[in-house]
Amino acid sequence: MAEDIVVKLTADFFKTLAHPARIKIIRSLEKGERCVCEIIEELDIEQSNLSQHLSVMKKQGLIDSRKDGQKVIYRIAYPSVLAVVGAAEKTLGEQIGDSQSILKFLK
């Protein structure tokens, strides 16, 4: 039973990351705390769209926020999420490398 819960929570974690805008947000927050206005400018995303993504990520616990006057400042809650995204990108790089090797062999 406990294993099933862990598997579901892990799947939910990956579902939360399973959108290009959310990966971009994680990469933006990798540089440190950012206000919504900075993220909007950097990612060229509509505020309503960004708010939805931030809400999903905050609900999952990947990011935190705090108020600074009128601004809402976001940060990565657990830096290990950067390692997960980095591992996925590394795997993709390896897959691309393997594909290129196969293509060279076929030529």
PDB file of N, CA and C in Angstrom:
ATOM      1  N   MET A   1       0.805  -1.198   0.000  1.00  0.00           N
ATOM      2  CA  MET A   1       0.000   0.000   0.000  1.00  0.00           C
ATOM      3  C   MET A   1       0.856   1.273   0.000  1.00  0.00           C
ATOM      4  N   ALA A   2       1.822   1.341   0.892  1.00  0.00           N
ATOM      5  CA  ALA A   2       2.682   2.525   0.963  1.00  0.00           C
ATOM      6  C   ALA A   2       3.428   2.719  -0.351  1.00  0.00           C
ATOM      7  N   GLU A   3       3.848   1.606  -0.961  1.00  0.00           N
ATOM      8  CA  GLU A   3       4.555   1.703  -2.244  1.00  0.00           C
ATOM      9  C   GLU A   3       3.653   2.315  -3.312  1.00  0.00           C
ATOM     10  N   ASP A   4       2.371   1.934  -3.310  1.00  0.00           N
ATOM     11  CA  ASP A   4       1.421   2.495  -4.274  1.00  0.00           C
ATOM     12  C   ASP A   4       1.277   4.005  -4.096  1.00  0.00           C
ATOM     13  N   ILE A   5       1.277   4.455  -2.850  1.00  0.00           N
ATOM     14  CA  ILE A   5       1.166   5.888  -2.578  1.00  0.00           C
ATOM     15  C   ILE A   5       2.389   6.619  -3.114  1.00  0.00           C
ATOM     16  N   VAL A   6       3.569   6.049  -2.878  1.00  0.00           N
ATOM     17  CA  VAL A   6       4.805   6.666  -3.359  1.00  0.00           C
ATOM     18  C   VAL A   6       4.814   6.718  -4.886  1.00  0.00           C
ATOM     19  N   VAL A   7       4.367   5.660  -5.529  1.00  0.00           N
ATOM     20  CA  VAL A   7       4.320   5.622  -6.994  1.00  0.00           C
ATOM     21  C   VAL A   7       3.365   6.701  -7.516  1.00  0.00           C
ATOM     22  N   LYS A   8       2.197   6.842  -6.898  1.00  0.00           N
ATOM     23  CA  LYS A   8       1.242   7.867  -7.328  1.00  0.00           C
ATOM     24  C   LYS A   8       1.807   9.265  -7.108  1.00  0.00           C
ATOM     25  N   LEU A   9       2.422   9.502  -5.961  1.00  0.00           N
ATOM     26  CA  LEU A   9       3.009  10.812  -5.688  1.00  0.00           C
ATOM     27  C   LEU A   9       4.130  11.137  -6.677  1.00  0.00           C
ATOM     28  N   THR A  10       4.911  10.127  -7.032  1.00  0.00           N
ATOM     29  CA  THR A  10       5.983  10.324  -8.017  1.00  0.00           C
ATOM     30  C   THR A  10       5.393  10.669  -9.375  1.00  0.00           C
ATOM     31  N   ALA A  11       4.339   9.968  -9.769  1.00  0.00           N
ATOM     32  CA  ALA A  11       3.680  10.256 -11.047  1.00  0.00           C
ATOM     33  C   ALA A  11       3.107  11.677 -11.040  1.00  0.00           C
ATOM     34  N   ASP A  12       2.504  12.082  -9.925  1.00  0.00           N
ATOM     35  CA  ASP A  12       1.962  13.441  -9.813  1.00  0.00           C
ATOM     36  C   ASP A  12       3.071  14.486  -9.931  1.00  0.00           C
ATOM     37  N   PHE A  13       4.211  14.192  -9.337  1.00  0.00           N
ATOM     38  CA  PHE A  13       5.372  15.082  -9.416  1.00  0.00           C
ATOM     39  C   PHE A  13       5.767  15.295 -10.880  1.00  0.00           C
ATOM     40  N   PHE A  14       5.880  14.194 -11.626  1.00  0.00           N
ATOM     41  CA  PHE A  14       6.269  14.307 -13.037  1.00  0.00           C
ATOM     42  C   PHE A  14       5.178  14.963 -13.882  1.00  0.00           C
ATOM     43  N   LYS A  15       3.913  14.730 -13.545  1.00  0.00           N
ATOM     44  CA  LYS A  15       2.826  15.415 -14.258  1.00  0.00           C
ATOM     45  C   LYS A  15       2.947  16.923 -14.096  1.00  0.00           C
ATOM     46  N   THR A  16       3.331  17.353 -12.897  1.00  0.00           N
ATOM     47  CA  THR A  16       3.479  18.782 -12.642  1.00  0.00           C
ATOM     48  C   THR A  16       4.573  19.378 -13.525  1.00  0.00           C
ATOM     49  N   LEU A  17       5.623  18.641 -13.756  1.00  0.00           N
ATOM     50  CA  LEU A  17       6.725  19.125 -14.591  1.00  0.00           C
ATOM     51  C   LEU A  17       6.456  18.947 -16.084  1.00  0.00           C
ATOM     52  N   ALA A  18       5.392  18.239 -16.425  1.00  0.00           N
ATOM     53  CA  ALA A  18       5.155  17.834 -17.809  1.00  0.00           C
ATOM     54  C   ALA A  18       4.525  18.926 -18.667  1.00  0.00           C
ATOM     55  N   HIS A  19       5.096  20.117 -18.614  1.00  0.00           N
ATOM     56  CA  HIS A  19       4.655  21.199 -19.493  1.00  0.00           C
ATOM     57  C   HIS A  19       5.865  22.089 -19.785  1.00  0.00           C
ATOM     58  N   PRO A  20       6.076  22.434 -21.040  1.00  0.00           N
ATOM     59  CA  PRO A  20       7.248  23.250 -21.384  1.00  0.00           C
ATOM     60  C   PRO A  20       7.346  24.549 -20.580  1.00  0.00           C
ATOM     61  N   ALA A  21       6.224  25.215 -20.350  1.00  0.00           N
ATOM     62  CA  ALA A  21       6.260  26.478 -19.596  1.00  0.00           C
ATOM     63  C   ALA A  21       6.756  26.242 -18.173  1.00  0.00           C
ATOM     64  N   ARG A  22       6.401  25.124 -17.585  1.00  0.00           N
ATOM     65  CA  ARG A  22       6.824  24.848 -16.207  1.00  0.00           C
ATOM     66  C   ARG A  22       8.315  24.547 -16.127  1.00  0.00           C
ATOM     67  N   ILE A  23       8.839  23.891 -17.134  1.00  0.00           N
ATOM     68  CA  ILE A  23      10.291  23.660 -17.180  1.00  0.00           C
ATOM     69  C   ILE A  23      11.000  25.007 -17.322  1.00  0.00           C
ATOM     70  N   LYS A  24      10.457  25.888 -18.166  1.00  0.00           N
ATOM     71  CA  LYS A  24      11.040  27.217 -18.328  1.00  0.00           C
ATOM     72  C   LYS A  24      10.990  28.001 -17.020  1.00  0.00           C
ATOM     73  N   ILE A  25       9.903  27.872 -16.285  1.00  0.00           N
ATOM     74  CA  ILE A  25       9.775  28.553 -14.996  1.00  0.00           C
ATOM     75  C   ILE A  25      10.828  28.038 -14.026  1.00  0.00           C
ATOM     76  N   ILE A  26      11.002  26.719 -13.974  1.00  0.00           N
ATOM     77  CA  ILE A  26      12.029  26.122 -13.097  1.00  0.00           C
ATOM     78  C   ILE A  26      13.400  26.668 -13.479  1.00  0.00           C
ATOM     79  N   ARG A  27      13.687  26.710 -14.769  1.00  0.00           N
ATOM     80  CA  ARG A  27      14.984  27.218 -15.227  1.00  0.00           C
ATOM     81  C   ARG A  27      15.152  28.703 -14.879  1.00  0.00           C
ATOM     82  N   SER A  28      14.081  29.453 -14.954  1.00  0.00           N
ATOM     83  CA  SER A  28      14.136  30.868 -14.591  1.00  0.00           C
ATOM     84  C   SER A  28      14.418  31.028 -13.095  1.00  0.00           C
ATOM     85  N   LEU A  29      13.758  30.216 -12.282  1.00  0.00           N
ATOM     86  CA  LEU A  29      13.932  30.294 -10.831  1.00  0.00           C
ATOM     87  C   LEU A  29      15.260  29.700 -10.366  1.00  0.00           C
ATOM     88  N   GLU A  30      15.916  28.968 -11.249  1.00  0.00           N
ATOM     89  CA  GLU A  30      17.231  28.415 -10.936  1.00  0.00           C
ATOM     90  C   GLU A  30      18.217  29.557 -10.636  1.00  0.00           C
ATOM     91  N   LYS A  31      17.984  30.705 -11.234  1.00  0.00           N
ATOM     92  CA  LYS A  31      18.858  31.865 -11.059  1.00  0.00           C
ATOM     93  C   LYS A  31      18.627  32.559  -9.716  1.00  0.00           C
ATOM     94  N   GLY A  32      17.566  32.176  -9.011  1.00  0.00           N
ATOM     95  CA  GLY A  32      17.238  32.788  -7.730  1.00  0.00           C
ATOM     96  C   GLY A  32      15.795  33.239  -7.701  1.00  0.00           C
ATOM     97  N   GLU A  33      15.436  33.893  -6.629  1.00  0.00           N
ATOM     98  CA  GLU A  33      14.068  34.387  -6.476  1.00  0.00           C
ATOM     99  C   GLU A  33      13.719  35.349  -7.601  1.00  0.00           C
ATOM    100  N   ARG A  34      12.474  35.247  -8.058  1.00  0.00           N
ATOM    101  CA  ARG A  34      12.009  36.114  -9.150  1.00  0.00           C
ATOM    102  C   ARG A  34      10.587  36.561  -8.849  1.00  0.00           C
ATOM    103  N   CYS A  35      10.286  37.806  -9.194  1.00  0.00           N
ATOM    104  CA  CYS A  35       8.898  38.255  -9.086  1.00  0.00           C
ATOM    105  C   CYS A  35       8.174  37.860 -10.379  1.00  0.00           C
ATOM    106  N   VAL A  36       6.863  37.847 -10.295  1.00  0.00           N
ATOM    107  CA  VAL A  36       6.051  37.471 -11.446  1.00  0.00           C
ATOM    108  C   VAL A  36       6.404  38.338 -12.650  1.00  0.00           C
ATOM    109  N   CYS A  37       6.595  39.641 -12.419  1.00  0.00           N
ATOM    110  CA  CYS A  37       6.898  40.545 -13.535  1.00  0.00           C
ATOM    111  C   CYS A  37       8.187  40.140 -14.256  1.00  0.00           C
ATOM    112  N   GLU A  38       9.180  39.686 -13.523  1.00  0.00           N
ATOM    113  CA  GLU A  38      10.440  39.254 -14.145  1.00  0.00           C
ATOM    114  C   GLU A  38      10.245  37.975 -14.959  1.00  0.00           C
ATOM    115  N   ILE A  39       9.467  37.052 -14.419  1.00  0.00           N
ATOM    116  CA  ILE A  39       9.223  35.778 -15.123  1.00  0.00           C
ATOM    117  C   ILE A  39       8.444  36.042 -16.408  1.00  0.00           C
ATOM    118  N   ILE A  40       7.434  36.906 -16.325  1.00  0.00           N
ATOM    119  CA  ILE A  40       6.632  37.249 -17.516  1.00  0.00           C
ATOM    120  C   ILE A  40       7.535  37.826 -18.601  1.00  0.00           C
ATOM    121  N   GLU A  41       8.383  38.749 -18.209  1.00  0.00           N
ATOM    122  CA  GLU A  41       9.271  39.403 -19.173  1.00  0.00           C
ATOM    123  C   GLU A  41      10.257  38.411 -19.785  1.00  0.00           C
ATOM    124  N   GLU A  42      10.834  37.567 -18.942  1.00  0.00           N
ATOM    125  CA  GLU A  42      11.837  36.614 -19.421  1.00  0.00           C
ATOM    126  C   GLU A  42      11.237  35.555 -20.332  1.00  0.00           C
ATOM    127  N   LEU A  43      10.067  35.043 -19.976  1.00  0.00           N
ATOM    128  CA  LEU A  43       9.480  33.929 -20.717  1.00  0.00           C
ATOM    129  C   LEU A  43       8.492  34.368 -21.783  1.00  0.00           C
ATOM    130  N   ASP A  44       8.147  35.661 -21.812  1.00  0.00           N
ATOM    131  CA  ASP A  44       7.169  36.180 -22.769  1.00  0.00           C
ATOM    132  C   ASP A  44       5.888  35.346 -22.724  1.00  0.00           C
ATOM    133  N   ILE A  45       5.275  35.323 -21.538  1.00  0.00           N
ATOM    134  CA  ILE A  45       4.076  34.523 -21.293  1.00  0.00           C
ATOM    135  C   ILE A  45       3.004  35.439 -20.701  1.00  0.00           C
ATOM    136  N   GLU A  46       1.751  35.178 -21.029  1.00  0.00           N
ATOM    137  CA  GLU A  46       0.645  35.963 -20.483  1.00  0.00           C
ATOM    138  C   GLU A  46       0.573  35.770 -18.970  1.00  0.00           C
ATOM    139  N   GLN A  47       0.220  36.831 -18.246  1.00  0.00           N
ATOM    140  CA  GLN A  47       0.170  36.750 -16.789  1.00  0.00           C
ATOM    141  C   GLN A  47      -0.828  35.696 -16.314  1.00  0.00           C
ATOM    142  N   SER A  48      -1.990  35.612 -16.958  1.00  0.00           N
ATOM    143  CA  SER A  48      -2.992  34.633 -16.522  1.00  0.00           C
ATOM    144  C   SER A  48      -2.477  33.205 -16.726  1.00  0.00           C
ATOM    145  N   ASN A  49      -1.785  32.987 -17.833  1.00  0.00           N
ATOM    146  CA  ASN A  49      -1.211  31.673 -18.124  1.00  0.00           C
ATOM    147  C   ASN A  49      -0.115  31.341 -17.110  1.00  0.00           C
ATOM    148  N   LEU A  50       0.752  32.312 -16.842  1.00  0.00           N
ATOM    149  CA  LEU A  50       1.816  32.112 -15.866  1.00  0.00           C
ATOM    150  C   LEU A  50       1.234  31.815 -14.489  1.00  0.00           C
ATOM    151  N   SER A  51       0.209  32.555 -14.101  1.00  0.00           N
ATOM    152  CA  SER A  51      -0.410  32.346 -12.789  1.00  0.00           C
ATOM    153  C   SER A  51      -0.937  30.927 -12.631  1.00  0.00           C
ATOM    154  N   GLN A  52      -1.536  30.390 -13.687  1.00  0.00           N
ATOM    155  CA  GLN A  52      -2.031  29.012 -13.638  1.00  0.00           C
ATOM    156  C   GLN A  52      -0.892  28.028 -13.424  1.00  0.00           C
ATOM    157  N   HIS A  53       0.189  28.204 -14.164  1.00  0.00           N
ATOM    158  CA  HIS A  53       1.333  27.296 -14.026  1.00  0.00           C
ATOM    159  C   HIS A  53       1.962  27.414 -12.640  1.00  0.00           C
ATOM    160  N   LEU A  54       2.118  28.636 -12.155  1.00  0.00           N
ATOM    161  CA  LEU A  54       2.690  28.835 -10.825  1.00  0.00           C
ATOM    162  C   LEU A  54       1.809  28.194  -9.754  1.00  0.00           C
ATOM    163  N   SER A  55       0.512  28.304  -9.924  1.00  0.00           N
ATOM    164  CA  SER A  55      -0.428  27.715  -8.969  1.00  0.00           C
ATOM    165  C   SER A  55      -0.289  26.196  -8.912  1.00  0.00           C
ATOM    166  N   VAL A  56      -0.203  25.574 -10.072  1.00  0.00           N
ATOM    167  CA  VAL A  56      -0.041  24.110 -10.131  1.00  0.00           C
ATOM    168  C   VAL A  56       1.265  23.699  -9.460  1.00  0.00           C
ATOM    169  N   MET A  57       2.330  24.436  -9.759  1.00  0.00           N
ATOM    170  CA  MET A  57       3.642  24.099  -9.202  1.00  0.00           C
ATOM    171  C   MET A  57       3.695  24.346  -7.693  1.00  0.00           C
ATOM    172  N   LYS A  58       3.013  25.388  -7.249  1.00  0.00           N
ATOM    173  CA  LYS A  58       2.981  25.690  -5.812  1.00  0.00           C
ATOM    174  C   LYS A  58       2.157  24.637  -5.068  1.00  0.00           C
ATOM    175  N   LYS A  59       1.046  24.240  -5.658  1.00  0.00           N
ATOM    176  CA  LYS A  59       0.198  23.204  -5.051  1.00  0.00           C
ATOM    177  C   LYS A  59       0.972  21.899  -4.889  1.00  0.00           C
ATOM    178  N   GLN A  60       1.810  21.584  -5.856  1.00  0.00           N
ATOM    179  CA  GLN A  60       2.629  20.366  -5.806  1.00  0.00           C
ATOM    180  C   GLN A  60       3.793  20.529  -4.824  1.00  0.00           C
ATOM    181  N   GLY A  61       4.090  21.758  -4.450  1.00  0.00           N
ATOM    182  CA  GLY A  61       5.166  22.004  -3.494  1.00  0.00           C
ATOM    183  C   GLY A  61       6.535  22.191  -4.123  1.00  0.00           C
ATOM    184  N   LEU A  62       6.576  22.395  -5.441  1.00  0.00           N
ATOM    185  CA  LEU A  62       7.860  22.584  -6.115  1.00  0.00           C
ATOM    186  C   LEU A  62       8.409  23.986  -5.911  1.00  0.00           C
ATOM    187  N   ILE A  63       7.502  24.956  -5.744  1.00  0.00           N
ATOM    188  CA  ILE A  63       7.917  26.346  -5.549  1.00  0.00           C
ATOM    189  C   ILE A  63       7.205  26.929  -4.333  1.00  0.00           C
ATOM    190  N   ASP A  64       7.786  27.982  -3.788  1.00  0.00           N
ATOM    191  CA  ASP A  64       7.205  28.756  -2.694  1.00  0.00           C
ATOM    192  C   ASP A  64       7.050  30.191  -3.163  1.00  0.00           C
ATOM    193  N   SER A  65       6.248  30.953  -2.443  1.00  0.00           N
ATOM    194  CA  SER A  65       6.125  32.371  -2.750  1.00  0.00           C
ATOM    195  C   SER A  65       6.047  33.170  -1.459  1.00  0.00           C
ATOM    196  N   ARG A  66       6.364  34.445  -1.602  1.00  0.00           N
ATOM    197  CA  ARG A  66       6.231  35.385  -0.491  1.00  0.00           C
ATOM    198  C   ARG A  66       5.875  36.740  -1.072  1.00  0.00           C
ATOM    199  N   LYS A  67       5.212  37.539  -0.251  1.00  0.00           N
ATOM    200  CA  LYS A  67       4.846  38.888  -0.672  1.00  0.00           C
ATOM    201  C   LYS A  67       5.978  39.846  -0.318  1.00  0.00           C
ATOM    202  N   ASP A  68       6.240  40.775  -1.231  1.00  0.00           N
ATOM    203  CA  ASP A  68       7.201  41.844  -0.991  1.00  0.00           C
ATOM    204  C   ASP A  68       6.520  43.125  -1.457  1.00  0.00           C
ATOM    205  N   GLY A  69       5.785  43.760  -0.553  1.00  0.00           N
ATOM    206  CA  GLY A  69       4.962  44.895  -0.937  1.00  0.00           C
ATOM    207  C   GLY A  69       3.843  44.416  -1.840  1.00  0.00           C
ATOM    208  N   GLN A  70       3.772  44.967  -3.035  1.00  0.00           N
ATOM    209  CA  GLN A  70       2.755  44.564  -4.009  1.00  0.00           C
ATOM    210  C   GLN A  70       3.185  43.351  -4.839  1.00  0.00           C
ATOM    211  N   LYS A  71       4.466  43.037  -4.778  1.00  0.00           N
ATOM    212  CA  LYS A  71       5.005  41.961  -5.614  1.00  0.00           C
ATOM    213  C   LYS A  71       4.894  40.604  -4.923  1.00  0.00           C
ATOM    214  N   VAL A  72       4.733  39.564  -5.734  1.00  0.00           N
ATOM    215  CA  VAL A  72       4.815  38.189  -5.248  1.00  0.00           C
ATOM    216  C   VAL A  72       6.125  37.621  -5.792  1.00  0.00           C
ATOM    217  N   ILE A  73       6.949  37.144  -4.891  1.00  0.00           N
ATOM    218  CA  ILE A  73       8.272  36.621  -5.234  1.00  0.00           C
ATOM    219  C   ILE A  73       8.228  35.098  -5.129  1.00  0.00           C
ATOM    220  N   TYR A  74       8.714  34.428  -6.180  1.00  0.00           N
ATOM    221  CA  TYR A  74       8.722  32.959  -6.210  1.00  0.00           C
ATOM    222  C   TYR A  74      10.147  32.432  -6.121  1.00  0.00           C
ATOM    223  N   ARG A  75      10.252  31.230  -5.586  1.00  0.00           N
ATOM    224  CA  ARG A  75      11.542  30.544  -5.509  1.00  0.00           C
ATOM    225  C   ARG A  75      11.295  29.046  -5.568  1.00  0.00           C
ATOM    226  N   ILE A  76      12.337  28.317  -5.895  1.00  0.00           N
ATOM    227  CA  ILE A  76      12.265  26.856  -5.894  1.00  0.00           C
ATOM    228  C   ILE A  76      12.266  26.384  -4.446  1.00  0.00           C
ATOM    229  N   ALA A  77      11.320  25.550  -4.098  1.00  0.00           N
ATOM    230  CA  ALA A  77      11.206  25.065  -2.719  1.00  0.00           C
ATOM    231  C   ALA A  77      12.262  24.008  -2.404  1.00  0.00           C
ATOM    232  N   TYR A  78      12.511  23.139  -3.362  1.00  0.00           N
ATOM    233  CA  TYR A  78      13.479  22.057  -3.177  1.00  0.00           C
ATOM    234  C   TYR A  78      14.459  22.059  -4.342  1.00  0.00           C
ATOM    235  N   PRO A  79      15.696  22.473  -4.100  1.00  0.00           N
ATOM    236  CA  PRO A  79      16.685  22.535  -5.184  1.00  0.00           C
ATOM    237  C   PRO A  79      16.883  21.200  -5.912  1.00  0.00           C
ATOM    238  N   SER A  80      16.525  20.101  -5.272  1.00  0.00           N
ATOM    239  CA  SER A  80      16.680  18.797  -5.926  1.00  0.00           C
ATOM    240  C   SER A  80      15.829  18.691  -7.190  1.00  0.00           C
ATOM    241  N   VAL A  81      14.803  19.542  -7.333  1.00  0.00           N
ATOM    242  CA  VAL A  81      14.010  19.520  -8.561  1.00  0.00           C
ATOM    243  C   VAL A  81      14.881  19.899  -9.762  1.00  0.00           C
ATOM    244  N   LEU A  82      15.888  20.733  -9.518  1.00  0.00           N
ATOM    245  CA  LEU A  82      16.823  21.092 -10.591  1.00  0.00           C
ATOM    246  C   LEU A  82      17.617  19.873 -11.051  1.00  0.00           C
ATOM    247  N   ALA A  83      17.948  19.005 -10.111  1.00  0.00           N
ATOM    248  CA  ALA A  83      18.671  17.775 -10.464  1.00  0.00           C
ATOM    249  C   ALA A  83      17.792  16.856 -11.307  1.00  0.00           C
ATOM    250  N   VAL A  84      16.503  16.819 -10.995  1.00  0.00           N
ATOM    251  CA  VAL A  84      15.570  15.986 -11.772  1.00  0.00           C
ATOM    252  C   VAL A  84      15.480  16.498 -13.202  1.00  0.00           C
ATOM    253  N   VAL A  85      15.299  17.808 -13.354  1.00  0.00           N
ATOM    254  CA  VAL A  85      15.223  18.400 -14.699  1.00  0.00           C
ATOM    255  C   VAL A  85      16.555  18.205 -15.425  1.00  0.00           C
ATOM    256  N   GLY A  86      17.659  18.405 -14.723  1.00  0.00           N
ATOM    257  CA  GLY A  86      18.982  18.202 -15.321  1.00  0.00           C
ATOM    258  C   GLY A  86      19.194  16.761 -15.767  1.00  0.00           C
ATOM    259  N   ALA A  87      18.724  15.808 -14.950  1.00  0.00           N
ATOM    260  CA  ALA A  87      18.859  14.387 -15.310  1.00  0.00           C
ATOM    261  C   ALA A  87      18.045  14.070 -16.564  1.00  0.00           C
ATOM    262  N   ALA A  88      16.865  14.652 -16.658  1.00  0.00           N
ATOM    263  CA  ALA A  88      16.040  14.429 -17.854  1.00  0.00           C
ATOM    264  C   ALA A  88      16.732  14.993 -19.091  1.00  0.00           C
ATOM    265  N   GLU A  89      17.299  16.192 -18.959  1.00  0.00           N
ATOM    266  CA  GLU A  89      17.999  16.808 -20.091  1.00  0.00           C
ATOM    267  C   GLU A  89      19.241  16.008 -20.470  1.00  0.00           C
ATOM    268  N   LYS A  90      19.930  15.471 -19.476  1.00  0.00           N
ATOM    269  CA  LYS A  90      21.103  14.638 -19.750  1.00  0.00           C
ATOM    270  C   LYS A  90      20.691  13.370 -20.505  1.00  0.00           C
ATOM    271  N   THR A  91      19.612  12.762 -20.076  1.00  0.00           N
ATOM    272  CA  THR A  91      19.114  11.560 -20.754  1.00  0.00           C
ATOM    273  C   THR A  91      18.743  11.877 -22.196  1.00  0.00           C
ATOM    274  N   LEU A  92      18.082  13.012 -22.414  1.00  0.00           N
ATOM    275  CA  LEU A  92      17.727  13.416 -23.779  1.00  0.00           C
ATOM    276  C   LEU A  92      18.974  13.606 -24.636  1.00  0.00           C
ATOM    277  N   GLY A  93      19.990  14.211 -24.052  1.00  0.00           N
ATOM    278  CA  GLY A  93      21.248  14.385 -24.780  1.00  0.00           C
ATOM    279  C   GLY A  93      21.858  13.049 -25.179  1.00  0.00           C
ATOM    280  N   GLU A  94      21.807  12.084 -24.258  1.00  0.00           N
ATOM    281  CA  GLU A  94      22.327  10.746 -24.568  1.00  0.00           C
ATOM    282  C   GLU A  94      21.516  10.083 -25.672  1.00  0.00           C
ATOM    283  N   GLN A  95      20.187  10.238 -25.610  1.00  0.00           N
ATOM    284  CA  GLN A  95      19.326   9.657 -26.648  1.00  0.00           C
ATOM    285  C   GLN A  95      19.636  10.269 -28.016  1.00  0.00           C
ATOM    286  N   ILE A  96      19.826  11.573 -28.040  1.00  0.00           N
ATOM    287  CA  ILE A  96      20.148  12.247 -29.306  1.00  0.00           C
ATOM    288  C   ILE A  96      21.499  11.748 -29.829  1.00  0.00           C
ATOM    289  N   GLY A  97      22.456  11.607 -28.925  1.00  0.00           N
ATOM    290  CA  GLY A  97      23.763  11.081 -29.318  1.00  0.00           C
ATOM    291  C   GLY A  97      23.662   9.688 -29.910  1.00  0.00           C
ATOM    292  N   ASP A  98      22.855   8.828 -29.270  1.00  0.00           N
ATOM    293  CA  ASP A  98      22.657   7.469 -29.788  1.00  0.00           C
ATOM    294  C   ASP A  98      21.988   7.499 -31.150  1.00  0.00           C
ATOM    295  N   SER A  99      20.999   8.363 -31.307  1.00  0.00           N
ATOM    296  CA  SER A  99      20.293   8.466 -32.585  1.00  0.00           C
ATOM    297  C   SER A  99      21.243   8.922 -33.685  1.00  0.00           C
ATOM    298  N   GLN A 100      22.111   9.860 -33.376  1.00  0.00           N
ATOM    299  CA  GLN A 100      23.073  10.342 -34.377  1.00  0.00           C
ATOM    300  C   GLN A 100      24.033   9.227 -34.762  1.00  0.00           C
ATOM    301  N   SER A 101      24.440   8.421 -33.787  1.00  0.00           N
ATOM    302  CA  SER A 101      25.331   7.294 -34.082  1.00  0.00           C
ATOM    303  C   SER A 101      24.657   6.306 -35.021  1.00  0.00           C
ATOM    304  N   ILE A 102      23.377   6.028 -34.763  1.00  0.00           N
ATOM    305  CA  ILE A 102      22.637   5.098 -35.609  1.00  0.00           C
ATOM    306  C   ILE A 102      22.496   5.673 -37.019  1.00  0.00           C
ATOM    307  N   LEU A 103      22.181   6.968 -37.111  1.00  0.00           N
ATOM    308  CA  LEU A 103      22.038   7.594 -38.431  1.00  0.00           C
ATOM    309  C   LEU A 103      23.333   7.532 -39.229  1.00  0.00           C
ATOM    310  N   LYS A 104      24.467   7.745 -38.577  1.00  0.00           N
ATOM    311  CA  LYS A 104      25.760   7.653 -39.260  1.00  0.00           C
ATOM    312  C   LYS A 104      25.995   6.240 -39.791  1.00  0.00           C
ATOM    313  N   PHE A 105      25.573   5.243 -39.010  1.00  0.00           N
ATOM    314  CA  PHE A 105      25.746   3.861 -39.410  1.00  0.00           C
ATOM    315  C   PHE A 105      24.886   3.556 -40.636  1.00  0.00           C
ATOM    316  N   LEU A 106      23.689   4.150 -40.711  1.00  0.00           N
ATOM    317  CA  LEU A 106      22.779   3.876 -41.820  1.00  0.00           C
ATOM    318  C   LEU A 106      23.192   4.565 -43.114  1.00  0.00           C
ATOM    319  N   LYS A 107      24.008   5.602 -43.031  1.00  0.00           N
ATOM    320  CA  LYS A 107      24.396   6.354 -44.235  1.00  0.00           C
ATOM    321  C   LYS A 107      25.416   5.617 -45.060  1.00  0.00           C
TER     322      LYS A 107
END
